[in-house]
Amino acid sequence: MSLAERVKGIKPSPTLAVDARAKAMKAEGIDVVGFGAGEPDFDTPDNIKEAAVKALKSGFTKYTPVGGTDELKDAIINKLKKDNGIQYDRSRIIVSTGAKHSLYNVAQALYGPGDEVIIPAPYWVSYPDQVILNDAKPVIVQTEEKGGFVLTAEAFEKAITPKTKALILNSPSNPTGLGYPKEALKAIAEVAVRHKVMVISDEIYEKITYDGFRHVSIASLGKEIEDLTVTINGLSKSHAMTGWRLGYAAGPKDVIGAMTKIQSQSTSNPCSITQKAAVEALNGPQDFLPVMVAEFDKRRKYIVERLNSISGVSCPMPVGAFYAFPRVSPLYGRKFNGKEIKGSADMAAYLLEEAKVAVVSGDAFGADDYIRLSYATSMSAIEKGLDRIEKAVKALS
C-alpha cells in the first residue's frame, strides 16, 4: 500500500515513545526510573472528578456544540480576562480534545504549501511535525543557553521571508523550563506586527512557575498583536488532567471560525463530561495548584543541584514547567564497553540500557547537546534515578 507523502516526513512522538518503552520494561519486571513523560504525578483534584461524576449521572453524555459549550467558553473567557488581561467573546474561543489538538487545528487553519513557520529551538517535539503535516516548512531558529533559550527580536526578524506565515512561541518552555520575560515578548510583538506574522502562543505551563517568574501572554501587549495571536492553553498540566483531553484556543474570529469548521469534520465536540469537569477546574477552588507547584519546586532544586554535581554535566535552573534540560555534550566521545557516545540519542540509549533510566534525547527537541528529564515524578524516584545517572556517567571512559 502506498501511503500519503505527508506521513513520510514525520516521526512518532519521541516523548511518548520513551514513556511507552519505560512502561513496557516495567511490565517485564525491569526496575526502570522514568524521566520521560511530561505528566504530573498528582491526581486530578476531587472537586473536578466529582463534577464529572455529576455530569455522568445527570445524563450529560450527548453531543455538545462543536467548539465547546457556552458554559465552558464563558469560564475560559473569565480566566483569560482575570489571569492574562485579554478580553474575548465566545466567537473567539474553541475547545478541543487537548492543547495538542488545538495546535493541530491552528496548523490546519493557517498553514499551506509554500508557507514557512518559524520555530525557536529547543522546541516541543510536535511543532515541526504539525507544520510538515500541513504541507508547510518549519524554519528552525537556534537559541542559546546563555540567553535563556529566548528568541531575540533580531533573530526573529532575520528569519522572516515573504513566505513566513507564523511564529510558534512556548513560555514557559518544554523542554528547557525557561521562559520569555515581558520585554523580550514586547520586542517580538513589535516585529510580528510590523511584518504581519501570526504568533501561536503555547501557554500550557503558565501556572507552573518559580522564583518569582511572571508569565505574560503576548496577546495582552496591545490590540495589534492580539489580532495576530492565537493563544493555546489547557488543563492537562495545571490541573493534572492529562487523560481528560481538553485544551482551548483564543484568537481572531476568522481563525477560530476556521478551526471550528475543521474540528466539525474531524473530532466534532470534545468529551461532554470533560467539559463539565473543566468548568469546575476553571471556576472552582484553585488551592490545589500552589501545593503541586511547591512540590515541583522542591524536586526542581534537587534535580538541578544533583545534575550540576556530575562531572561533564551542566543544567540551567528552570523558571517554569517541570523539566530539567542538562547539557551532556562534554560526555560525547566517551565509551562504555567499547561503544562510543556520539550524541544525545546514544546517551539516552546508554542510560536506558545500562542504568535503567528513561530520558528523552535532546535531538528530538532540536538540541543534540542536551537531554530532557521530567521531574513530574516522586522524589524517591528522582533520587534513585540521579544515583543511577551519576554512576553511569562515571562508568564512561
Protein backbone atom coordinates (compact mmCIF):
# COMPACT_ATOMS: atom_id res chain seq x y z
CA MET A 1 0.00 0.00 0.00
CA SER A 2 1.26 3.46 -0.88
CA LEU A 3 0.92 5.94 1.99
CA ALA A 4 0.46 9.68 1.65
CA GLU A 5 3.67 11.65 1.20
CA ARG A 6 2.99 13.73 4.33
CA VAL A 7 3.35 10.65 6.53
CA LYS A 8 6.87 10.00 5.26
CA GLY A 9 8.18 13.31 6.58
CA ILE A 10 7.19 12.85 10.21
CA LYS A 11 8.04 10.54 13.09
CA PRO A 12 6.14 9.28 16.15
CA SER A 13 6.31 11.49 19.23
CA PRO A 14 9.70 10.73 20.85
CA THR A 15 8.48 11.65 24.33
CA LEU A 16 5.52 9.27 24.13
CA ALA A 17 7.78 6.58 22.66
CA VAL A 18 10.23 6.84 25.57
CA ASP A 19 7.40 6.70 28.09
CA ALA A 20 5.88 3.68 26.37
CA ARG A 21 9.25 1.89 26.32
CA ALA A 22 9.81 2.57 30.01
CA LYS A 23 6.33 1.27 30.87
CA ALA A 24 6.88 -1.83 28.75
CA MET A 25 10.15 -2.56 30.56
CA LYS A 26 8.42 -2.12 33.92
CA ALA A 27 5.72 -4.55 32.80
CA GLU A 28 8.50 -7.05 32.13
CA GLY A 29 9.63 -6.67 35.74
CA ILE A 30 12.58 -4.37 35.00
CA ASP A 31 13.15 -1.62 37.55
CA VAL A 32 13.16 1.47 35.32
CA VAL A 33 13.13 5.06 36.54
CA GLY A 34 11.12 7.11 34.06
CA PHE A 35 12.01 10.75 33.43
CA GLY A 36 10.32 10.75 30.04
CA ALA A 37 6.68 11.78 30.33
CA GLY A 38 5.52 15.36 30.76
CA GLU A 39 2.69 14.32 33.02
CA PRO A 40 2.04 15.49 36.60
CA ASP A 41 2.14 12.57 39.01
CA PHE A 42 -0.62 14.20 41.08
CA ASP A 43 -4.21 13.00 40.89
CA THR A 44 -6.91 15.25 39.44
CA PRO A 45 -8.46 17.21 42.35
CA ASP A 46 -11.58 15.63 43.86
CA ASN A 47 -13.90 18.56 43.13
CA ILE A 48 -13.13 18.21 39.42
CA LYS A 49 -13.73 14.47 39.46
CA GLU A 50 -16.99 15.00 41.36
CA ALA A 51 -18.17 17.44 38.68
CA ALA A 52 -17.54 14.76 36.06
CA VAL A 53 -19.43 12.15 38.08
CA LYS A 54 -22.34 14.55 38.49
CA ALA A 55 -22.38 15.19 34.74
CA LEU A 56 -22.35 11.46 34.06
CA LYS A 57 -25.17 10.72 36.49
CA SER A 58 -27.29 13.58 35.19
CA GLY A 59 -27.05 12.25 31.65
CA PHE A 60 -24.80 14.96 30.23
CA THR A 61 -23.47 12.41 27.77
CA LYS A 62 -24.64 13.69 24.39
CA TYR A 63 -23.09 15.81 21.66
CA THR A 64 -22.33 19.40 22.55
CA PRO A 65 -21.64 22.30 20.17
CA VAL A 66 -18.54 21.53 18.10
CA GLY A 67 -16.39 24.26 19.65
CA GLY A 68 -17.46 23.63 23.24
CA THR A 69 -20.37 24.56 25.49
CA ASP A 70 -21.21 28.19 26.18
CA GLU A 71 -20.74 27.47 29.89
CA LEU A 72 -17.15 26.34 29.34
CA LYS A 73 -16.40 29.11 26.86
CA ASP A 74 -17.57 31.64 29.46
CA ALA A 75 -15.30 30.06 32.08
CA ILE A 76 -12.37 30.31 29.66
CA ILE A 77 -13.25 33.94 28.82
CA ASN A 78 -13.29 34.81 32.54
CA LYS A 79 -9.98 33.02 33.07
CA LEU A 80 -8.26 34.82 30.20
CA LYS A 81 -9.53 38.21 31.40
CA LYS A 82 -8.57 37.62 35.04
CA ASP A 83 -5.23 35.84 34.58
CA ASN A 84 -3.97 37.17 31.28
CA GLY A 85 -5.59 40.54 30.79
CA ILE A 86 -7.15 39.64 27.43
CA GLN A 87 -10.83 40.12 26.59
CA TYR A 88 -12.59 37.70 24.25
CA ASP A 89 -16.14 36.73 23.34
CA ARG A 90 -17.46 33.25 22.59
CA SER A 91 -16.88 33.57 18.84
CA ARG A 92 -13.14 33.82 19.51
CA ILE A 93 -12.86 30.65 21.66
CA ILE A 94 -12.69 27.00 20.64
CA VAL A 95 -12.42 23.98 22.93
CA SER A 96 -10.67 20.89 21.60
CA THR A 97 -9.51 17.46 22.76
CA GLY A 98 -6.26 18.64 24.30
CA ALA A 99 -3.93 21.57 23.67
CA LYS A 100 -2.11 19.43 21.08
CA HIS A 101 -5.38 19.17 19.16
CA SER A 102 -5.81 22.94 19.44
CA LEU A 103 -2.34 23.40 17.97
CA TYR A 104 -3.12 20.99 15.15
CA ASN A 105 -6.36 22.81 14.37
CA VAL A 106 -4.39 26.06 14.12
CA ALA A 107 -1.93 24.39 11.77
CA GLN A 108 -4.78 23.11 9.59
CA ALA A 109 -6.43 26.53 9.52
CA LEU A 110 -3.32 28.62 8.79
CA TYR A 111 -0.55 26.66 7.07
CA GLY A 112 -0.38 25.52 3.49
CA PRO A 113 2.04 24.63 0.67
CA GLY A 114 4.88 27.13 0.43
CA ASP A 115 4.27 28.65 3.86
CA GLU A 116 7.09 28.94 6.38
CA VAL A 117 6.62 28.70 10.15
CA ILE A 118 9.38 29.95 12.45
CA ILE A 119 10.12 27.69 15.41
CA PRO A 120 12.77 28.60 18.00
CA ALA A 121 14.90 25.65 19.12
CA PRO A 122 14.85 23.91 21.52
CA TYR A 123 11.20 23.24 20.68
CA TRP A 124 8.44 20.89 21.73
CA VAL A 125 8.68 17.79 19.57
CA SER A 126 5.33 18.14 17.80
CA TYR A 127 5.70 21.68 16.45
CA PRO A 128 7.79 20.85 13.35
CA ASP A 129 5.82 17.72 12.52
CA GLN A 130 2.48 19.52 12.71
CA VAL A 131 3.86 22.09 10.26
CA ILE A 132 5.07 19.34 7.91
CA LEU A 133 1.73 17.51 8.13
CA ASN A 134 0.11 20.63 6.72
CA ASP A 135 2.49 20.89 3.77
CA ALA A 136 4.39 23.88 5.15
CA LYS A 137 8.07 24.27 6.04
CA PRO A 138 9.37 24.58 9.61
CA VAL A 139 12.12 27.20 9.85
CA ILE A 140 14.21 26.36 12.90
CA VAL A 141 15.99 29.25 14.62
CA GLN A 142 18.55 28.22 17.23
CA THR A 143 18.60 30.00 20.58
CA GLU A 144 21.38 29.93 23.16
CA GLU A 145 21.51 28.72 26.73
CA LYS A 146 23.41 31.84 27.82
CA GLY A 147 20.45 33.91 26.59
CA GLY A 148 17.92 31.77 28.45
CA PHE A 149 16.94 29.99 25.23
CA VAL A 150 14.93 33.09 24.31
CA LEU A 151 14.39 34.01 20.67
CA THR A 152 15.62 37.56 20.15
CA ALA A 153 13.67 40.04 18.08
CA GLU A 154 16.72 40.37 15.82
CA ALA A 155 16.92 36.63 15.14
CA PHE A 156 13.17 36.51 14.58
CA GLU A 157 13.23 39.34 12.06
CA LYS A 158 16.21 37.85 10.25
CA ALA A 159 14.31 34.58 9.76
CA ILE A 160 11.24 36.27 8.22
CA THR A 161 10.76 35.94 4.46
CA PRO A 162 7.80 36.72 2.18
CA LYS A 163 6.69 33.12 2.81
CA THR A 164 6.58 33.44 6.62
CA LYS A 165 3.11 32.68 7.98
CA ALA A 166 3.61 32.28 11.71
CA LEU A 167 5.90 32.06 14.71
CA ILE A 168 5.38 29.42 17.42
CA LEU A 169 6.26 30.50 20.96
CA ASN A 170 6.19 28.37 24.11
CA SER A 171 6.67 30.00 27.52
CA PRO A 172 7.39 28.52 29.99
CA SER A 173 9.09 26.10 27.67
CA ASN A 174 9.06 22.41 27.09
CA PRO A 175 11.86 21.19 27.07
CA THR A 176 14.02 23.87 28.71
CA GLY A 177 11.83 25.01 31.61
CA LEU A 178 12.86 28.59 30.82
CA GLY A 179 10.55 31.43 29.82
CA TYR A 180 10.18 34.73 27.98
CA PRO A 181 10.41 37.93 30.04
CA LYS A 182 7.89 40.66 29.21
CA GLU A 183 10.47 42.88 27.49
CA ALA A 184 11.51 40.06 25.16
CA LEU A 185 7.88 39.46 24.23
CA LYS A 186 7.36 43.16 23.57
CA ALA A 187 10.27 43.19 21.13
CA ILE A 188 8.98 40.07 19.37
CA ALA A 189 5.48 41.55 19.21
CA GLU A 190 6.79 44.68 17.50
CA VAL A 191 8.44 42.59 14.80
CA ALA A 192 5.36 40.39 14.34
CA VAL A 193 3.11 43.44 13.95
CA ARG A 194 5.48 45.14 11.55
CA HIS A 195 5.66 42.07 9.29
CA LYS A 196 2.08 40.85 9.91
CA VAL A 197 3.28 37.45 11.16
CA MET A 198 0.83 35.35 13.18
CA VAL A 199 2.00 34.25 16.63
CA ILE A 200 0.94 30.87 18.02
CA SER A 201 1.48 31.21 21.76
CA ASP A 202 1.53 27.89 23.62
CA GLU A 203 0.96 28.76 27.28
CA ILE A 204 0.15 25.33 28.70
CA TYR A 205 2.72 25.69 31.55
CA GLU A 206 1.74 29.23 32.59
CA LYS A 207 0.59 28.18 36.08
CA ILE A 208 3.77 26.27 36.92
CA THR A 209 6.44 28.91 37.61
CA TYR A 210 9.14 29.52 40.20
CA ASP A 211 11.42 32.16 41.70
CA GLY A 212 9.01 34.99 41.01
CA PHE A 213 8.95 34.46 37.24
CA ARG A 214 5.78 36.06 35.89
CA HIS A 215 4.14 34.57 32.84
CA VAL A 216 2.97 37.15 30.30
CA SER A 217 0.60 36.44 27.41
CA ILE A 218 1.93 38.12 24.28
CA ALA A 219 -1.65 38.87 23.20
CA SER A 220 -2.03 41.13 26.23
CA LEU A 221 0.61 43.57 24.94
CA GLY A 222 -1.68 45.55 22.65
CA LYS A 223 -4.56 45.34 20.21
CA GLU A 224 -2.34 44.92 17.14
CA ILE A 225 -0.50 41.86 18.48
CA GLU A 226 -3.72 40.46 19.97
CA ASP A 227 -5.22 40.47 16.48
CA LEU A 228 -2.26 38.40 15.25
CA THR A 229 -2.10 35.93 18.14
CA VAL A 230 -3.72 32.56 18.77
CA THR A 231 -3.29 31.67 22.44
CA ILE A 232 -3.24 27.95 23.24
CA ASN A 233 -3.84 26.57 26.71
CA GLY A 234 -5.44 23.69 28.58
CA LEU A 235 -5.82 21.89 31.90
CA SER A 236 -3.51 18.90 31.48
CA LYS A 237 -0.56 20.37 33.35
CA SER A 238 -2.15 22.92 35.70
CA HIS A 239 -4.91 20.62 36.99
CA ALA A 240 -3.31 17.18 36.44
CA MET A 241 -5.86 16.33 33.76
CA THR A 242 -3.69 14.81 31.02
CA GLY A 243 -6.03 11.89 30.32
CA TRP A 244 -9.16 14.03 30.28
CA ARG A 245 -8.05 15.54 26.94
CA LEU A 246 -9.15 19.14 26.92
CA GLY A 247 -7.45 22.22 25.52
CA TYR A 248 -8.58 25.51 24.08
CA ALA A 249 -7.57 28.31 21.76
CA ALA A 250 -8.40 32.00 21.78
CA GLY A 251 -7.73 34.24 18.81
CA PRO A 252 -9.06 36.19 15.84
CA LYS A 253 -12.66 35.38 14.96
CA ASP A 254 -11.88 34.22 11.42
CA VAL A 255 -9.12 31.86 12.58
CA ILE A 256 -11.24 30.38 15.38
CA GLY A 257 -14.14 30.01 12.95
CA ALA A 258 -11.92 28.09 10.54
CA MET A 259 -10.63 25.89 13.35
CA THR A 260 -14.21 25.13 14.41
CA LYS A 261 -15.15 24.18 10.85
CA ILE A 262 -12.15 21.86 10.66
CA GLN A 263 -12.98 20.32 14.03
CA SER A 264 -16.56 19.70 12.89
CA GLN A 265 -15.16 17.40 10.20
CA SER A 266 -12.59 15.64 12.37
CA THR A 267 -13.40 15.03 16.03
CA SER A 268 -16.61 17.06 16.46
CA ASN A 269 -17.01 18.26 20.05
CA PRO A 270 -14.67 17.44 22.93
CA CYS A 271 -15.97 15.00 25.55
CA SER A 272 -19.11 16.35 27.19
CA ILE A 273 -18.21 15.04 30.65
CA THR A 274 -14.72 16.50 30.46
CA GLN A 275 -16.21 19.88 29.59
CA LYS A 276 -18.25 19.88 32.80
CA ALA A 277 -15.13 18.91 34.75
CA ALA A 278 -13.23 21.75 33.04
CA VAL A 279 -15.81 24.31 34.12
CA GLU A 280 -15.22 23.25 37.72
CA ALA A 281 -11.46 23.27 37.18
CA LEU A 282 -11.57 26.87 35.98
CA ASN A 283 -14.29 28.24 38.27
CA GLY A 284 -13.73 26.17 41.39
CA PRO A 285 -11.11 26.33 44.16
CA GLN A 286 -7.51 26.70 42.99
CA ASP A 287 -5.86 25.73 46.29
CA PHE A 288 -4.53 22.51 44.75
CA LEU A 289 -2.22 24.39 42.41
CA PRO A 290 0.21 26.05 44.87
CA VAL A 291 0.61 22.73 46.69
CA MET A 292 1.56 20.98 43.45
CA VAL A 293 3.89 23.79 42.37
CA ALA A 294 5.61 23.81 45.77
CA GLU A 295 6.34 20.10 45.43
CA PHE A 296 7.63 20.57 41.89
CA ASP A 297 9.84 23.37 43.19
CA LYS A 298 11.46 21.04 45.73
CA ARG A 299 12.14 18.47 43.05
CA ARG A 300 13.42 21.14 40.63
CA LYS A 301 16.05 22.38 43.06
CA TYR A 302 17.16 18.87 43.95
CA ILE A 303 17.43 17.53 40.40
CA VAL A 304 19.32 20.57 39.10
CA GLU A 305 21.74 20.52 42.04
CA ARG A 306 22.42 16.81 41.53
CA LEU A 307 22.88 17.16 37.77
CA ASN A 308 25.31 20.04 38.20
CA SER A 309 27.34 17.95 40.65
CA ILE A 310 28.04 15.33 37.97
CA SER A 311 31.30 15.90 36.09
CA GLY A 312 30.63 16.69 32.44
CA VAL A 313 27.00 17.68 33.03
CA SER A 314 25.60 21.19 33.48
CA CYS A 315 21.99 22.26 33.86
CA PRO A 316 20.35 25.71 33.91
CA MET A 317 17.77 26.37 36.63
CA PRO A 318 14.24 26.22 35.17
CA VAL A 319 11.78 29.04 35.92
CA GLY A 320 8.70 27.08 34.89
CA ALA A 321 7.18 23.76 33.81
CA PHE A 322 8.67 20.54 35.25
CA TYR A 323 11.67 19.76 33.06
CA ALA A 324 15.41 19.82 33.56
CA PHE A 325 17.44 20.22 30.37
CA PRO A 326 21.06 19.39 31.14
CA ARG A 327 23.90 19.80 28.66
CA VAL A 328 25.66 16.45 28.32
CA SER A 329 27.73 17.05 25.17
CA PRO A 330 31.03 17.20 27.14
CA LEU A 331 30.48 13.45 27.62
CA TYR A 332 30.30 12.74 23.88
CA GLY A 333 33.25 10.78 22.63
CA ARG A 334 33.47 8.72 25.78
CA LYS A 335 32.84 4.99 25.67
CA PHE A 336 31.28 2.12 27.58
CA ASN A 337 32.39 -1.42 26.73
CA GLY A 338 33.94 -0.02 23.57
CA LYS A 339 30.75 1.68 22.37
CA GLU A 340 31.09 5.42 21.83
CA ILE A 341 28.54 8.01 22.93
CA LYS A 342 28.25 10.15 19.80
CA GLY A 343 25.18 12.25 20.60
CA SER A 344 22.08 12.64 22.73
CA ALA A 345 20.35 9.61 21.20
CA ASP A 346 23.32 7.43 22.18
CA MET A 347 23.32 8.96 25.66
CA ALA A 348 19.60 8.28 26.13
CA ALA A 349 20.03 4.71 24.88
CA TYR A 350 23.01 4.15 27.17
CA LEU A 351 21.15 5.43 30.23
CA LEU A 352 18.14 3.24 29.45
CA GLU A 353 20.10 0.09 28.68
CA GLU A 354 22.81 0.31 31.31
CA ALA A 355 21.33 2.47 34.07
CA LYS A 356 17.65 1.63 33.54
CA VAL A 357 16.79 5.33 33.45
CA ALA A 358 14.49 6.70 30.75
CA VAL A 359 15.24 10.24 29.48
CA VAL A 360 14.46 11.95 26.17
CA SER A 361 17.33 12.76 23.82
CA GLY A 362 17.84 16.42 23.01
CA ASP A 363 17.88 15.84 19.25
CA ALA A 364 14.12 15.31 19.50
CA PHE A 365 13.87 18.97 20.55
CA GLY A 366 16.40 20.30 18.04
CA ALA A 367 19.19 20.46 20.64
CA ASP A 368 21.55 17.49 20.40
CA ASP A 369 23.85 18.76 23.17
CA TYR A 370 21.16 18.10 25.78
CA ILE A 371 18.81 15.53 27.26
CA ARG A 372 15.46 16.18 28.93
CA LEU A 373 14.36 14.88 32.32
CA SER A 374 10.84 15.39 33.63
CA TYR A 375 10.67 15.83 37.39
CA ALA A 376 6.92 15.20 37.41
CA THR A 377 7.64 12.06 39.40
CA SER A 378 8.24 11.24 43.04
CA MET A 379 11.26 12.49 44.96
CA SER A 380 12.27 8.92 45.74
CA ALA A 381 12.28 8.09 42.02
CA ILE A 382 14.29 11.23 41.27
CA GLU A 383 16.88 10.33 43.92
CA LYS A 384 17.17 6.76 42.62
CA GLY A 385 17.39 7.93 39.02
CA LEU A 386 20.07 10.54 39.71
CA ASP A 387 22.13 7.97 41.63
CA ARG A 388 21.98 5.72 38.59
CA ILE A 389 22.84 8.52 36.14
CA GLU A 390 25.81 9.58 38.26
CA LYS A 391 27.09 6.01 38.40
CA ALA A 392 26.57 5.53 34.65
CA VAL A 393 28.47 8.73 33.78
CA LYS A 394 31.38 7.69 35.99
CA ALA A 395 31.50 4.36 34.15
CA LEU A 396 32.23 6.10 30.83
CA SER A 397 35.87 6.18 29.80
